[in-house]
Protein backbone atom coordinates (compact mmCIF):
# COMPACT_ATOMS: atom_id res chain seq x y z
CA UNK A 1 73.61 81.37 118.51
CA UNK A 2 76.25 79.66 120.60
CA UNK A 3 78.86 81.62 122.51
CA UNK A 4 81.65 80.31 120.27
CA UNK A 5 79.87 81.44 117.11
CA UNK A 6 79.20 84.90 118.54
CA UNK A 7 82.81 85.28 119.68
CA UNK A 8 84.01 84.24 116.20
CA UNK A 9 81.71 86.86 114.64
CA UNK A 10 83.07 89.53 116.99
CA UNK A 11 86.63 88.55 116.06
CA UNK A 12 85.73 88.61 112.36
CA UNK A 13 84.37 92.16 112.74
CA UNK A 14 87.55 93.11 114.55
CA UNK A 15 89.86 91.65 111.89
CA UNK A 16 87.99 93.21 108.97
CA UNK A 17 88.00 96.71 110.47
CA UNK A 18 91.68 96.46 111.43
CA UNK A 19 93.14 94.82 108.33
CA UNK A 20 91.21 96.82 105.74
CA UNK A 21 93.69 99.24 104.14
CA UNK A 22 96.03 98.81 107.10
CA UNK A 23 99.09 99.85 105.07
CA UNK A 24 97.34 102.87 103.55
CA UNK A 25 95.49 104.34 106.54
CA UNK A 26 97.07 106.08 108.38
CA UNK A 27 98.78 107.46 105.29
CA UNK A 28 102.35 106.89 106.48
CA UNK A 29 104.34 105.50 109.36
CA UNK A 30 105.32 108.01 112.03
CA UNK A 31 108.81 108.12 113.47
CA UNK A 32 108.29 105.53 116.22
CA UNK A 33 106.81 103.08 113.71
CA UNK A 34 109.73 103.74 111.37
CA UNK A 35 112.18 103.20 114.22
CA UNK A 36 110.48 99.98 115.34
CA UNK A 37 110.42 98.72 111.76
CA UNK A 38 114.02 99.58 110.94
CA UNK A 39 115.40 98.11 114.16
CA UNK A 40 113.41 94.93 113.51
CA UNK A 41 114.81 94.95 109.96
CA UNK A 42 118.35 95.29 111.33
CA UNK A 43 117.78 92.42 113.77
CA UNK A 44 116.42 90.27 110.94
CA UNK A 45 119.62 90.78 108.95
CA UNK A 46 122.49 90.48 111.44
CA UNK A 47 120.88 90.30 114.93
CA UNK A 48 122.06 93.85 115.76
CA UNK A 49 120.06 97.05 116.19
CA UNK A 50 120.78 100.33 114.39
CA UNK A 51 123.48 101.11 116.98
CA UNK A 52 125.21 97.76 116.45
CA UNK A 53 124.14 96.22 119.76
CA UNK A 54 123.60 92.44 119.58
CA UNK A 55 120.04 91.37 120.47
CA UNK A 56 119.45 94.24 122.91
CA UNK A 57 116.94 94.10 125.74
CA UNK A 58 116.33 97.84 125.40
CA UNK A 59 116.73 99.45 121.97
CA UNK A 60 118.51 102.80 122.20
CA UNK A 61 116.76 104.13 119.05
CA UNK A 62 116.54 107.96 119.37
CA UNK A 63 117.93 107.78 122.90
CA UNK A 64 114.61 107.03 124.60
CA UNK A 65 115.34 103.26 124.75
CA UNK A 66 112.41 101.45 123.17
CA UNK A 67 111.14 98.27 124.77
CA UNK A 68 111.85 94.92 123.12
CA UNK A 69 108.66 92.86 122.90
CA UNK A 70 106.97 94.66 120.02
CA UNK A 71 110.18 95.14 118.04
CA UNK A 72 111.03 91.44 118.19
CA UNK A 73 107.45 90.58 117.23
CA UNK A 74 107.89 92.62 114.05
CA UNK A 75 111.04 90.72 113.00
CA UNK A 76 109.35 87.64 111.44
CA UNK A 77 106.92 89.82 109.48
CA UNK A 78 109.75 91.95 108.11
CA UNK A 79 111.40 88.69 107.06
CA UNK A 80 108.21 87.50 105.36
CA UNK A 81 106.81 90.72 103.86
CA UNK A 82 109.73 93.13 103.80
CA UNK A 83 110.22 96.44 105.59
CA UNK A 84 106.93 98.28 105.14
CA UNK A 85 103.92 99.66 107.01
CA UNK A 86 102.06 96.33 106.93
CA UNK A 87 104.92 94.46 108.62
CA UNK A 88 105.13 97.07 111.39
CA UNK A 89 101.37 97.26 111.99
CA UNK A 90 100.25 93.66 111.60
CA UNK A 91 101.61 92.49 114.99
CA UNK A 92 99.47 95.19 116.65
CA UNK A 93 96.40 93.63 115.03
CA UNK A 94 97.35 90.20 116.38
CA UNK A 95 98.06 91.51 119.89
CA UNK A 96 94.82 93.49 119.81
CA UNK A 97 92.86 90.43 118.71
CA UNK A 98 94.33 88.77 121.81
CA UNK A 99 93.03 91.73 123.85
CA UNK A 100 89.51 91.19 122.49
CA UNK A 101 89.63 87.44 123.24
CA UNK A 102 91.15 87.80 126.70
CA UNK A 103 88.62 90.53 127.51
CA UNK A 104 85.89 87.94 126.92
CA UNK A 105 87.47 85.32 129.18
CA UNK A 106 88.45 87.82 131.86
CA UNK A 107 85.01 89.46 131.97
CA UNK A 108 83.45 86.02 132.21
CA UNK A 109 85.82 85.15 135.07
CA UNK A 110 85.30 88.40 136.95
CA UNK A 111 81.50 88.48 136.69
CA UNK A 112 80.63 84.83 136.28
CA UNK A 113 78.49 85.73 133.25
CA UNK A 114 79.34 84.48 129.75
CA UNK A 115 77.01 87.06 128.20
CA UNK A 116 78.88 89.89 129.90
CA UNK A 117 82.09 88.47 128.43
CA UNK A 118 80.61 88.60 124.92
CA UNK A 119 79.36 92.15 125.36
CA UNK A 120 82.75 93.25 126.76
CA UNK A 121 84.65 91.79 123.79
CA UNK A 122 82.13 93.44 121.42
CA UNK A 123 82.63 96.81 123.11
CA UNK A 124 86.42 96.43 122.86
CA UNK A 125 86.11 95.66 119.15
CA UNK A 126 84.17 98.85 118.42
CA UNK A 127 85.85 101.05 121.05
CA UNK A 128 86.91 104.48 119.68
CA UNK A 129 89.55 104.51 122.43
CA UNK A 130 91.14 101.29 121.23
CA UNK A 131 90.56 101.50 117.47
CA UNK A 132 93.51 103.47 116.07
CA UNK A 133 96.00 101.86 118.45
CA UNK A 134 94.86 98.40 117.36
CA UNK A 135 95.70 98.88 113.67
CA UNK A 136 98.94 100.88 113.87
CA UNK A 137 102.40 100.05 115.17
CA UNK A 138 101.82 100.89 118.81
CA UNK A 139 103.79 98.88 121.38
CA UNK A 140 100.97 99.35 123.88
CA UNK A 141 98.87 96.63 122.22
CA UNK A 142 101.41 93.99 123.23
CA UNK A 143 101.53 95.39 126.75
CA UNK A 144 97.76 95.35 127.07
CA UNK A 145 97.40 91.79 125.80
CA UNK A 146 100.00 90.40 128.21
CA UNK A 147 98.52 92.47 131.04
CA UNK A 148 95.06 90.94 130.57
CA UNK A 149 96.56 87.47 130.16
CA UNK A 150 98.53 87.92 133.38
CA UNK A 151 95.39 88.83 135.35
CA UNK A 152 93.46 85.92 133.83
CA UNK A 153 96.22 83.46 134.71
CA UNK A 154 96.44 84.79 138.26
CA UNK A 155 92.69 84.34 138.74
CA UNK A 156 93.07 80.69 137.71
CA UNK A 157 95.56 80.01 140.49
CA UNK A 158 93.14 77.53 142.04
CA UNK A 159 93.68 75.23 139.04
CA UNK A 160 97.39 74.87 139.76
CA UNK A 161 100.35 76.68 141.28
CA UNK A 162 102.05 76.88 137.87
CA UNK A 163 99.54 79.58 136.91
CA UNK A 164 101.27 81.94 139.34
CA UNK A 165 104.57 81.60 137.46
CA UNK A 166 102.87 82.03 134.08
CA UNK A 167 101.06 85.10 135.41
CA UNK A 168 104.29 86.70 136.63
CA UNK A 169 105.96 86.05 133.28
CA UNK A 170 103.02 87.69 131.51
CA UNK A 171 103.19 90.73 133.79
CA UNK A 172 106.89 91.01 133.00
CA UNK A 173 106.20 90.79 129.26
CA UNK A 174 103.66 93.60 129.61
CA UNK A 175 106.25 95.71 131.43
CA UNK A 176 108.76 95.01 128.64
CA UNK A 177 106.19 96.01 126.02
CA UNK A 178 105.09 99.47 127.14
CA UNK A 179 106.29 101.72 129.97
CA UNK A 180 102.84 102.41 131.46
CA UNK A 181 102.63 98.79 132.58
CA UNK A 182 105.75 99.27 134.71
CA UNK A 183 103.46 101.36 136.91
CA UNK A 184 100.10 99.61 136.47
CA UNK A 185 101.36 96.02 136.76
CA UNK A 186 102.74 96.29 140.34
CA UNK A 187 99.50 97.99 141.50
CA UNK A 188 97.50 95.22 139.87
CA UNK A 189 99.61 92.45 141.40
CA UNK A 190 99.12 93.91 144.90
CA UNK A 191 95.35 94.03 144.30
CA UNK A 192 95.31 90.45 143.06
CA UNK A 193 97.15 89.35 146.18
CA UNK A 194 94.48 91.00 148.34
CA UNK A 195 91.65 89.33 146.39
CA UNK A 196 93.26 85.88 146.47
CA UNK A 197 94.54 85.44 150.01
CA UNK A 198 93.27 81.85 150.27
CA UNK A 199 94.84 80.77 146.98
CA UNK A 200 98.09 82.44 147.95
CA UNK A 201 98.18 80.47 151.19
CA UNK A 202 97.82 77.33 149.12
CA UNK A 203 100.68 78.55 146.91
CA UNK A 204 102.93 79.22 149.90
CA UNK A 205 102.14 75.77 151.32
CA UNK A 206 102.29 73.63 148.19
CA UNK A 207 103.95 75.74 145.53
CA UNK A 208 107.24 76.87 147.02
CA UNK A 209 109.12 75.83 143.87
CA UNK A 210 106.93 78.06 141.69
CA UNK A 211 107.31 80.90 144.17
CA UNK A 212 111.09 80.57 144.09
CA UNK A 213 111.24 80.41 140.30
CA UNK A 214 108.91 83.40 140.07
CA UNK A 215 111.13 85.38 142.44
CA UNK A 216 114.20 84.57 140.36
CA UNK A 217 112.39 85.58 137.17
CA UNK A 218 111.28 88.88 138.72
CA UNK A 219 114.79 89.71 139.93
CA UNK A 220 116.24 88.82 136.52
CA UNK A 221 113.71 91.10 134.83
CA UNK A 222 114.29 94.02 137.19
CA UNK A 223 118.08 94.09 136.70
CA UNK A 224 117.98 95.37 133.06
CA UNK A 225 115.41 97.99 134.05
CA UNK A 226 117.58 99.13 136.96
CA UNK A 227 120.65 99.29 134.72
CA UNK A 228 118.70 101.25 132.12
CA UNK A 229 117.56 103.99 134.48
CA UNK A 230 120.73 104.18 136.57
CA UNK A 231 123.54 103.59 134.08
CA UNK A 232 122.26 103.78 130.50
CA UNK A 233 120.54 107.18 130.56
CA UNK A 234 117.11 105.61 130.23
CA UNK A 235 115.96 107.85 133.08
CA UNK A 236 115.78 110.72 130.59
CA UNK A 237 112.41 109.30 129.59
CA UNK A 238 111.04 110.31 132.96
CA UNK A 239 112.94 113.62 132.90
CA UNK A 240 111.49 114.47 129.52
CA UNK A 241 107.89 113.82 130.59
CA UNK A 242 108.18 114.48 134.30
CA UNK A 243 108.54 117.66 136.35
CA UNK A 244 104.85 117.69 137.29
CA UNK A 245 103.66 119.14 140.61
CA UNK A 246 101.47 117.15 143.00
CA UNK A 247 98.49 119.38 142.28
CA UNK A 248 98.99 118.94 138.54
CA UNK A 249 99.21 115.17 138.98
CA UNK A 250 95.77 115.21 140.63
CA UNK A 251 94.36 117.39 137.84
CA UNK A 252 95.96 115.17 135.20
CA UNK A 253 94.51 112.06 136.81
CA UNK A 254 90.98 113.45 137.09
CA UNK A 255 91.06 114.74 133.51
CA UNK A 256 90.73 111.14 132.31
CA UNK A 257 87.24 111.02 133.84
CA UNK A 258 86.19 114.36 132.35
CA UNK A 259 83.03 113.90 130.20
CA UNK A 260 84.56 116.23 127.62
CA UNK A 261 87.44 113.79 127.13
CA UNK A 262 85.33 110.66 127.41
CA UNK A 263 82.34 111.57 125.25
CA UNK A 264 82.94 114.76 123.27
CA UNK A 265 86.45 115.71 122.25
CA UNK A 266 88.67 112.77 123.12
CA UNK A 267 92.44 112.88 122.92
CA UNK A 268 93.44 115.89 120.80
CA UNK A 269 96.46 114.07 119.38
CA UNK A 270 95.31 112.89 115.95
CA UNK A 271 97.54 109.83 116.21
CA UNK A 272 95.36 108.74 119.11
CA UNK A 273 91.86 109.78 118.11
CA UNK A 274 89.85 111.23 115.25
CA UNK A 275 88.71 114.82 115.56
CA UNK A 276 85.10 115.13 116.65
CA UNK A 277 84.92 111.84 118.56
CA UNK A 278 85.15 111.09 122.25
CA UNK A 279 87.00 108.12 123.70
CA UNK A 280 83.66 106.39 124.31
CA UNK A 281 80.30 106.44 122.55
CA UNK A 282 77.45 108.42 124.14
CA UNK A 283 75.38 105.34 125.16
CA UNK A 284 78.24 104.42 127.52
CA UNK A 285 77.15 107.45 129.51
CA UNK A 286 74.14 105.35 130.56
CA UNK A 287 75.52 101.80 130.44
CA UNK A 288 78.75 102.50 132.33
CA UNK A 289 77.13 103.80 135.57
CA UNK A 290 74.44 101.13 135.31
CA UNK A 291 77.12 98.47 135.18
CA UNK A 292 79.00 99.95 138.13
CA UNK A 293 75.76 100.07 140.15
CA UNK A 294 75.04 96.43 139.34
CA UNK A 295 78.55 95.43 140.40
CA UNK A 296 78.14 97.29 143.70
CA UNK A 297 74.84 95.50 144.39
CA UNK A 298 76.06 92.06 143.33
CA UNK A 299 77.85 89.49 145.42
CA UNK A 300 80.44 88.71 142.75
CA UNK A 301 83.79 88.05 144.40
CA UNK A 302 85.81 90.28 142.07
CA UNK A 303 83.35 93.16 141.69
CA UNK A 304 85.76 95.61 143.33
CA UNK A 305 88.63 94.48 141.13
CA UNK A 306 86.96 95.96 138.03
CA UNK A 307 86.66 99.30 139.88
CA UNK A 308 90.29 99.22 140.95
CA UNK A 309 91.63 98.38 137.50
CA UNK A 310 89.69 101.31 136.03
CA UNK A 311 91.05 103.55 138.78
CA UNK A 312 94.66 102.44 138.18
CA UNK A 313 94.47 103.18 134.45
CA UNK A 314 95.24 106.93 134.42
CA UNK A 315 98.14 106.66 136.90
CA UNK A 316 100.95 106.50 134.28
CA UNK A 317 99.52 109.46 132.36
CA UNK A 318 98.92 111.53 135.49
CA UNK A 319 102.63 111.89 136.24
CA UNK A 320 103.43 113.22 132.76
CA UNK A 321 102.95 116.64 131.21
CA UNK A 322 100.41 115.55 128.58
CA UNK A 323 96.99 114.75 130.03
CA UNK A 324 94.48 113.40 129.41
CA UNK A 325 96.45 110.85 127.42
CA UNK A 326 94.54 108.03 125.72
CA UNK A 327 97.61 105.91 125.03
CA UNK A 328 99.19 105.95 128.50
CA UNK A 329 95.86 105.27 130.21
CA UNK A 330 94.77 102.45 127.91
CA UNK A 331 94.88 99.74 130.60
CA UNK A 332 91.52 100.97 131.90
CA UNK A 333 89.70 100.47 128.58
CA UNK A 334 88.97 96.70 128.82
CA UNK A 335 87.51 97.23 132.29
CA UNK A 336 85.38 100.15 131.15
CA UNK A 337 84.12 97.80 128.44
CA UNK A 338 83.36 95.20 131.10
CA UNK A 339 81.46 97.76 133.17
CA UNK A 340 79.40 98.85 130.13
CA UNK A 341 78.80 95.19 129.28
CA UNK A 342 77.53 94.65 132.82
CA UNK A 343 75.28 97.67 132.28
CA UNK A 344 73.67 95.96 129.29
CA UNK A 345 73.13 92.81 131.33
CA UNK A 346 71.54 94.84 134.15
CA UNK A 347 69.37 96.88 131.78
CA UNK A 348 67.95 93.74 130.16
CA UNK A 349 67.14 92.43 133.64
CA UNK A 350 65.46 95.69 134.69
CA UNK A 351 63.34 95.98 131.55
CA UNK A 352 62.72 92.23 131.34
CA UNK A 353 62.97 92.48 127.59
CA UNK A 354 65.67 90.60 125.70
CA UNK A 355 65.07 92.61 122.52
CA UNK A 356 66.72 95.57 124.24
CA UNK A 357 70.01 93.80 123.61
CA UNK A 358 69.38 93.74 119.86
CA UNK A 359 68.52 97.44 119.93
CA UNK A 360 71.76 98.22 121.77
CA UNK A 361 73.76 96.20 119.24
CA UNK A 362 72.08 98.12 116.42
CA UNK A 363 72.77 101.51 118.00
CA UNK A 364 76.43 100.73 118.62
CA UNK A 365 76.95 99.30 115.13
CA UNK A 366 75.51 102.49 113.61
CA UNK A 367 77.81 104.62 115.79
CA UNK A 368 80.82 102.48 114.97
CA UNK A 369 79.99 102.45 111.25
CA UNK A 370 79.98 106.24 111.31
CA UNK A 371 83.32 106.23 113.14
CA UNK A 372 84.83 103.70 110.73
CA UNK A 373 83.63 105.53 107.59
CA UNK A 374 85.04 108.78 108.97
CA UNK A 375 88.33 106.98 109.56
CA UNK A 376 88.42 105.80 105.94
CA UNK A 377 87.28 109.03 104.28
CA UNK A 378 88.19 112.04 106.44
CA UNK A 379 90.94 110.90 108.80
CA UNK A 380 93.69 110.14 106.22
CA UNK A 381 93.91 113.72 105.00
CA UNK A 382 93.08 115.35 108.34
CA UNK A 383 95.88 113.45 110.13
CA UNK A 384 98.52 113.35 107.37
CA UNK A 385 100.74 115.93 109.06
CA UNK A 386 100.51 114.15 112.42
CA UNK A 387 101.61 110.90 110.76
CA UNK A 388 104.55 112.76 109.13
CA UNK A 389 103.36 112.05 105.60
CA UNK A 390 105.81 114.60 104.21
CA UNK A 391 108.76 112.33 104.88
CA UNK A 392 107.08 109.48 103.04
CA UNK A 393 106.70 111.78 100.05
CA UNK A 394 110.33 112.81 100.24
CA UNK A 395 111.83 109.35 100.55
CA UNK A 396 109.53 107.50 98.18
CA UNK A 397 109.14 110.20 95.54
CA UNK A 398 112.72 111.38 95.09
CA UNK A 399 114.64 108.15 94.45
CA UNK A 400 116.11 109.36 91.15
CA UNK A 401 117.37 112.57 92.75
CA UNK A 402 118.96 110.60 95.59
CA UNK A 403 120.92 108.57 93.05
CA UNK A 404 121.96 111.58 90.97
CA UNK A 405 123.21 113.83 93.80
CA UNK A 406 126.24 113.28 95.99
CA UNK A 407 124.92 115.57 98.73
CA UNK A 408 121.30 115.68 99.91
CA UNK A 409 120.44 118.14 102.69
CA UNK A 410 117.27 117.65 104.73
CA UNK A 411 116.03 119.67 107.69
CA UNK A 412 115.70 117.83 111.00
CA UNK A 413 114.06 120.73 112.81
CA UNK A 414 110.74 119.00 113.43
CA UNK A 415 111.52 115.28 113.53
CA UNK A 416 114.09 112.51 113.05
CA UNK A 417 114.20 112.39 109.23
CA UNK A 418 117.11 109.96 109.17
CA UNK A 419 114.88 107.11 110.37
CA UNK A 420 112.44 107.70 107.52
CA UNK A 421 115.26 107.55 105.00
CA UNK A 422 116.45 104.25 106.49
CA UNK A 423 112.92 102.85 106.58
CA UNK A 424 111.66 103.84 103.14
CA UNK A 425 114.96 103.19 101.36
CA UNK A 426 115.51 99.94 103.28
CA UNK A 427 119.08 101.04 103.87
CA UNK A 428 121.55 98.29 104.70
CA UNK A 429 122.05 98.39 108.51
CA UNK A 430 125.76 97.46 108.41
CA UNK A 431 126.39 100.16 105.78
CA UNK A 432 124.51 102.71 107.88
CA UNK A 433 126.49 101.86 111.02
CA UNK A 434 129.78 102.29 109.15
CA UNK A 435 128.77 105.67 107.69
CA UNK A 436 126.70 107.38 110.37
CA UNK A 437 127.90 110.56 112.07
CA UNK A 438 125.77 111.59 115.03
CA UNK A 439 125.29 114.94 116.71
CA UNK A 440 126.09 115.34 120.40
CA UNK A 441 123.52 113.85 122.76
CA UNK A 442 121.24 116.59 124.12
CA UNK A 443 120.48 117.24 127.80
CA UNK A 444 117.59 114.75 127.69
CA UNK A 445 119.77 111.97 126.30
CA UNK A 446 118.27 112.08 122.82
CA UNK A 447 120.46 111.91 119.75
CA UNK A 448 120.07 112.98 116.14
CA UNK A 449 121.95 111.89 113.04
CA UNK A 450 124.18 114.47 111.37
CA UNK A 451 124.89 112.47 108.23
CA UNK A 452 125.30 109.10 106.56
CA UNK A 453 126.01 108.20 102.95
CA UNK A 454 125.03 111.14 100.78
CA UNK A 455 122.44 112.42 103.30
CA UNK A 456 123.05 115.39 105.58
CA UNK A 457 120.55 116.52 108.22
CA UNK A 458 120.62 120.12 109.44
CA UNK A 459 118.56 122.09 111.97
CA UNK A 460 116.97 124.73 109.81
């Protein structure tokens, strides 16, 4: 089969496994999904967020200041399909499809092998690490797609100086999609500079206009981030997850390469991984080192770049209290897939038997089928509490009581129940803003709602 046909088949597999029952599994939106959805809903109505800020760059939300790219991407789907789980999750599927496609082109560019690109995109499609994030309302999918696109554009600098500007814009979009890329992107840019000295000389000589525009764009993008952390209390995000010693940072970093995390237990947060599955499948235990060995032996120009981009991946998670953390370290996953894909290529060469590729495909499809069936049959009930299903039951199953009672008291001890009421009841944003009474902001900068309309939220 041709490369195009195979890539289309990989994308078809991806879309089927992501879109099937996307609104039903997981069983409910969790609070960040509800917040993303409601703020997108508010923007779609009067161009203001839940706090009344006009087209914000950072959304205050619970006080943690959500990033804008994913929220704005949800807006057209809320307009088309209403405020619901599908509208919040569907953009993640589209961004993740972009990840699969860009993984193909980037692997092909980095290794010079089209077959490795196909294997890498296949491994991303069936990756247990990537699966749940790619069919739920996680902002990280947008960040990852723009991150891969930025690298791909940078590596095409030889084709024209304009690619440098487009690359910088893509890096900025990744940084405005998910916070981890505010750490990984600068490290990646420095590495790309080192690997492309000759092309950069050409840029400095013939592309001064693009350099100047890129500099202006970077400065313009840094200003809102600076204001956020210095003036708008956005720094509480780091305070809330920081406070980690240097020794703990090293331990946190290394924990992402622990075989227990990679192949046995995975991330223990059920919103990130199913119980009983590692972040990778067991055959990667063989293919991954084989691929890294092949890259070391090869004369491919960018062989060290794949190593570096795997190494950079855990950096954002290492400085936080929760490690290993599948979500914050997700930037390494496409490059792990590329390394495993290279391992397949090397193994076929060593054994001089092309049928080994078909066997590997069969093995991985069996493993992924088991993972997918577990996701459909066991995961919904096992993870219901983690996805805050109780609030869905409250706000979709008690509509008559809400209408009949003037005062409804709900505990906010364990979550932010107000956002679920706004989401599931599709509460008018202007009405909410005029009624809301908020509690005092806590020491971390987070806020909770005391009451609005006939709802009252108490800590008990």
